[in-house]
Protein backbone atom coordinates (compact mmCIF):
# COMPACT_ATOMS: atom_id res chain seq x y z
CA UNK A 1 116.60 73.44 40.70
CA UNK A 2 115.91 70.59 42.23
CA UNK A 3 117.37 72.06 45.71
CA UNK A 4 114.45 75.16 44.59
CA UNK A 5 112.00 72.73 44.02
CA UNK A 6 112.47 71.14 47.43
CA UNK A 7 112.99 74.13 49.65
CA UNK A 8 109.39 75.74 48.02
CA UNK A 9 107.97 72.58 48.92
CA UNK A 10 109.45 72.79 52.78
CA UNK A 11 108.15 76.42 52.76
CA UNK A 12 104.85 75.74 51.25
CA UNK A 13 104.54 72.80 54.03
CA UNK A 14 106.01 75.08 56.63
CA UNK A 15 102.89 77.57 56.11
CA UNK A 16 105.18 80.07 57.99
CA UNK A 17 104.09 83.33 55.86
CA UNK A 18 100.37 82.37 56.48
CA UNK A 19 101.48 81.70 60.57
CA UNK A 20 102.90 85.10 60.45
CA UNK A 21 100.06 86.69 58.70
CA UNK A 22 97.25 84.99 61.05
CA UNK A 23 99.50 86.01 63.94
CA UNK A 24 99.01 89.33 62.43
CA UNK A 25 95.45 89.46 62.06
CA UNK A 26 94.15 87.77 65.50
CA UNK A 27 96.64 89.82 67.23
CA UNK A 28 98.37 87.54 68.98
CA UNK A 29 101.31 84.91 68.97
CA UNK A 30 102.26 82.83 65.94
CA UNK A 31 101.81 79.26 68.28
CA UNK A 32 98.46 80.72 69.32
CA UNK A 33 97.00 80.68 66.09
CA UNK A 34 95.91 76.95 64.61
CA UNK A 35 95.53 76.36 61.10
CA UNK A 36 93.69 73.41 59.97
CA UNK A 37 96.06 70.68 58.81
CA UNK A 38 93.48 68.57 56.32
CA UNK A 39 92.98 72.16 54.60
CA UNK A 40 96.84 73.28 54.35
CA UNK A 41 97.02 73.04 50.47
CA UNK A 42 94.42 75.58 50.34
CA UNK A 43 95.55 77.37 53.31
CA UNK A 44 99.20 77.26 51.39
CA UNK A 45 97.49 79.10 48.78
CA UNK A 46 96.63 82.19 50.95
CA UNK A 47 99.20 85.10 50.42
CA UNK A 48 97.43 88.47 52.01
CA UNK A 49 96.02 89.39 54.76
CA UNK A 50 92.69 89.72 53.00
CA UNK A 51 92.94 85.80 52.37
CA UNK A 52 93.49 84.97 55.62
CA UNK A 53 90.69 86.70 56.92
CA UNK A 54 88.43 84.72 54.64
CA UNK A 55 89.96 81.80 55.76
CA UNK A 56 89.13 82.70 59.54
CA UNK A 57 85.89 83.49 58.63
CA UNK A 58 85.38 79.73 57.47
CA UNK A 59 87.05 78.40 60.45
CA UNK A 60 90.10 77.40 58.67
CA UNK A 61 92.08 79.26 60.92
CA UNK A 62 91.43 80.06 64.71
CA UNK A 63 92.65 81.40 67.49
CA UNK A 64 93.46 78.88 70.53
CA UNK A 65 91.88 79.34 73.71
CA UNK A 66 93.88 80.95 76.74
CA UNK A 67 95.61 78.26 78.50
CA UNK A 68 94.75 77.88 82.55
CA UNK A 69 96.67 79.62 84.75
CA UNK A 70 95.36 78.60 87.81
CA UNK A 71 95.95 80.00 91.32
CA UNK A 72 94.12 77.38 93.59
CA UNK A 73 97.62 76.02 94.79
CA UNK A 74 99.41 79.18 95.34
CA UNK A 75 95.75 80.15 97.47
CA UNK A 76 95.90 77.10 99.26
CA UNK A 77 99.86 78.00 99.91
CA UNK A 78 98.76 80.86 101.31
CA UNK A 79 96.06 79.87 103.54
CA UNK A 80 97.79 77.20 105.38
CA UNK A 81 101.20 80.20 105.64
CA UNK A 82 98.07 82.50 107.43
CA UNK A 83 98.03 79.61 109.46
CA UNK A 84 101.90 79.32 110.53
CA UNK A 85 102.51 76.31 107.80
CA UNK A 86 105.63 76.48 105.62
CA UNK A 87 107.47 79.15 107.54
CA UNK A 88 109.97 77.17 109.44
CA UNK A 89 113.65 77.86 109.02
CA UNK A 90 114.06 76.23 105.96
CA UNK A 91 111.89 78.22 104.12
CA UNK A 92 113.31 81.36 105.34
CA UNK A 93 115.85 82.96 102.98
CA UNK A 94 117.07 86.31 104.43
CA UNK A 95 117.81 87.44 108.33
CA UNK A 96 115.02 88.45 110.69
CA UNK A 97 115.88 92.14 110.23
CA UNK A 98 115.63 91.35 106.32
CA UNK A 99 112.22 89.66 105.96
CA UNK A 100 110.61 92.19 108.48
CA UNK A 101 113.21 95.03 109.40
CA UNK A 102 113.12 96.53 112.90
CA UNK A 103 113.07 100.32 111.50
CA UNK A 104 109.19 99.39 110.02
CA UNK A 105 108.17 97.96 113.25
CA UNK A 106 109.07 100.72 115.12
CA UNK A 107 108.02 103.08 112.25
CA UNK A 108 104.22 101.79 112.62
CA UNK A 109 104.76 101.17 116.12
CA UNK A 110 105.03 105.47 116.59
CA UNK A 111 102.09 106.00 114.25
CA UNK A 112 99.89 104.01 115.87
CA UNK A 113 100.83 105.59 119.40
CA UNK A 114 100.88 108.90 117.92
CA UNK A 115 97.58 108.47 116.43
CA UNK A 116 95.87 107.53 119.63
CA UNK A 117 97.61 110.42 121.33
CA UNK A 118 95.98 112.83 118.54
CA UNK A 119 92.26 110.86 119.24
CA UNK A 120 92.64 111.04 122.74
CA UNK A 121 93.61 115.20 122.47
CA UNK A 122 90.61 116.19 119.81
CA UNK A 123 88.43 114.19 122.10
CA UNK A 124 89.36 116.45 125.15
CA UNK A 125 90.49 112.95 127.00
CA UNK A 126 94.08 114.55 127.85
CA UNK A 127 95.48 118.00 127.77
CA UNK A 128 98.09 119.67 125.65
CA UNK A 129 100.41 118.94 128.16
CA UNK A 130 99.75 115.42 129.39
CA UNK A 131 100.01 115.00 125.21
CA UNK A 132 103.27 116.48 125.03
CA UNK A 133 104.92 114.57 128.18
CA UNK A 134 103.45 111.15 126.67
CA UNK A 135 104.75 111.98 123.04
CA UNK A 136 108.20 112.20 124.28
CA UNK A 137 107.87 109.28 126.03
CA UNK A 138 106.40 107.24 122.86
CA UNK A 139 109.70 108.55 121.19
CA UNK A 140 111.75 107.54 124.18
CA UNK A 141 110.64 103.79 123.64
CA UNK A 142 108.50 103.77 127.07
CA UNK A 143 105.44 102.42 125.99
CA UNK A 144 105.29 98.34 123.84
CA UNK A 145 102.20 98.69 122.20
CA UNK A 146 98.93 100.61 122.28
CA UNK A 147 97.42 98.86 124.87
CA UNK A 148 99.90 99.54 127.36
CA UNK A 149 99.50 103.54 126.69
CA UNK A 150 96.24 103.60 127.22
CA UNK A 151 96.46 101.80 130.65
CA UNK A 152 99.14 104.64 131.62
CA UNK A 153 96.78 107.49 130.54
CA UNK A 154 93.98 105.90 132.65
CA UNK A 155 96.75 105.46 135.20
CA UNK A 156 97.77 109.05 135.19
CA UNK A 157 94.35 110.58 134.83
CA UNK A 158 93.41 108.69 138.26
CA UNK A 159 95.86 109.76 139.69
CA UNK A 160 95.42 113.19 138.89
CA UNK A 161 91.36 112.92 140.34
CA UNK A 162 93.37 111.08 143.37
CA UNK A 163 95.10 114.19 143.86
CA UNK A 164 92.54 116.94 142.87
CA UNK A 165 90.55 115.32 145.47
CA UNK A 166 93.43 115.32 148.08
CA UNK A 167 93.70 118.90 147.25
CA UNK A 168 90.38 119.69 147.68
CA UNK A 169 89.68 117.86 150.86
CA UNK A 170 93.22 119.90 152.54
CA UNK A 171 91.84 122.93 151.16
CA UNK A 172 88.76 121.69 152.67
CA UNK A 173 90.28 121.06 155.97
CA UNK A 174 92.25 124.32 155.96
CA UNK A 175 89.32 126.52 155.64
CA UNK A 176 87.40 124.52 158.52
CA UNK A 177 90.54 125.14 160.51
CA UNK A 178 90.86 128.74 159.91
CA UNK A 179 86.97 129.34 160.80
CA UNK A 180 87.29 127.67 163.87
CA UNK A 181 90.41 129.68 165.25
CA UNK A 182 88.90 133.05 164.04
CA UNK A 183 85.60 131.56 165.88
CA UNK A 184 88.32 130.57 168.96
CA UNK A 185 89.63 134.13 168.34
CA UNK A 186 86.48 136.05 168.55
CA UNK A 187 85.22 134.12 171.69
CA UNK A 188 88.60 134.90 173.44
CA UNK A 189 88.08 138.68 172.35
CA UNK A 190 84.61 138.62 173.53
CA UNK A 191 85.47 136.97 176.64
CA UNK A 192 88.39 139.68 177.24
CA UNK A 193 86.02 142.13 176.71
CA UNK A 194 83.29 140.70 179.16
CA UNK A 195 86.21 140.67 181.58
CA UNK A 196 87.71 143.99 181.35
CA UNK A 197 84.17 145.43 181.28
CA UNK A 198 83.49 143.32 184.69
CA UNK A 199 86.73 144.53 186.19
CA UNK A 200 85.92 148.34 185.30
CA UNK A 201 82.27 147.88 186.78
CA UNK A 202 83.87 146.72 190.10
CA UNK A 203 86.55 149.39 190.40
CA UNK A 204 83.49 152.02 190.24
CA UNK A 205 81.64 150.30 192.70
CA UNK A 206 84.41 150.04 194.79
CA UNK A 207 85.24 154.08 194.53
CA UNK A 208 81.32 154.85 195.26
């Protein structure tokens, strides 16, 4: 009998039931609820949720405030890493390829180059033939980055314009040469005609 009374006293002192009911009513964990230690005798009499709600209303049971989980240190470290601190060999766990896979780098580069080619084709800066050739060259790892590709496009376009200008000059030169040749032939034909006419006149004079 003494053992039973002692157990009842311990149970009453621990307020196990009241903590469970308070956690259920407050919708939080058992450690989150605060029971007023000065009013433990009154709280121990509460054996239903209704009684617990009344005690909460009276302020004998309250929900503890949320503990601060600051990210200030984390943000500070992140900013330091952004400028290159804390990233030496001692801070690295995986291989270079595991930390930033070569495949991911390749995919990003291809997407950047193909996006640029598509934009240039839509803006009529390059035709479909040049687009196809540059697309295959990009796939063949010819261009290191977007800047190199843009420089190559400008160079190819400038070269194309130069070749076009040279072709036009050659065409004009051929046309001039042809016109001069035709004029020369016309002059030669006229000269021959005049010469034959003069010979015929002389023959007629001799016969008369």
